Amino acid sequence: MRERLVVIGGDAAGMSAASQARRIRSDLDILVLERGSQTSYAA
């Protein structure tokens, strides 16, 4: 079973944490939860 990371909040800090986790552990299943209709992203 793969490890999962749940990030609460899709603002800049939450997405930065998810991106950092992806760089460190490419095998993680990452789920980002955001209450609003928009999430932060960068090209």
Protein backbone atom coordinates (compact mmCIF):
# COMPACT_ATOMS: atom_id res chain seq x y z
CA MET A 1 0.00 0.00 0.00
CA ARG A 2 1.31 3.44 -0.94
CA GLU A 3 1.74 6.19 1.62
CA ARG A 4 -0.61 9.15 1.40
CA LEU A 5 -0.13 12.81 2.23
CA VAL A 6 -3.19 14.97 2.84
CA VAL A 7 -2.66 18.73 2.60
CA ILE A 8 -5.38 20.92 4.09
CA GLY A 9 -5.58 24.20 2.18
CA GLY A 10 -4.85 24.85 -1.47
CA ASP A 11 -3.33 28.30 -0.99
CA ALA A 12 0.30 29.08 -1.75
CA ALA A 13 1.64 27.43 1.41
CA GLY A 14 -0.38 24.24 0.94
CA MET A 15 0.61 23.83 -2.69
CA SER A 16 4.23 24.59 -1.83
CA ALA A 17 4.15 21.83 0.78
CA ALA A 18 2.63 19.40 -1.73
CA SER A 19 5.28 20.31 -4.33
CA GLN A 20 8.11 19.88 -1.84
CA ALA A 21 6.74 16.50 -0.76
CA ARG A 22 6.54 15.41 -4.42
CA ARG A 23 10.19 16.38 -4.98
CA ILE A 24 11.29 14.44 -1.91
CA ARG A 25 9.03 11.39 -2.33
CA SER A 26 7.80 10.84 -5.88
CA ASP A 27 5.93 7.68 -4.80
CA LEU A 28 3.50 9.49 -2.44
CA ASP A 29 -0.21 9.80 -3.16
CA ILE A 30 -0.89 13.48 -2.50
CA LEU A 31 -4.39 14.83 -1.86
CA VAL A 32 -4.98 18.58 -1.46
CA LEU A 33 -8.24 19.69 0.12
CA GLU A 34 -9.50 23.24 -0.48
CA ARG A 35 -12.84 24.63 0.64
CA GLY A 36 -12.95 27.44 -1.94
CA SER A 37 -13.38 27.16 -5.68
CA GLN A 38 -9.80 28.18 -6.57
CA THR A 39 -6.41 26.74 -5.74
CA SER A 40 -3.01 28.35 -6.02
CA TYR A 41 -0.78 27.32 -8.88
CA ALA A 42 2.28 28.54 -10.74
CA ALA A 43 3.61 27.79 -14.19
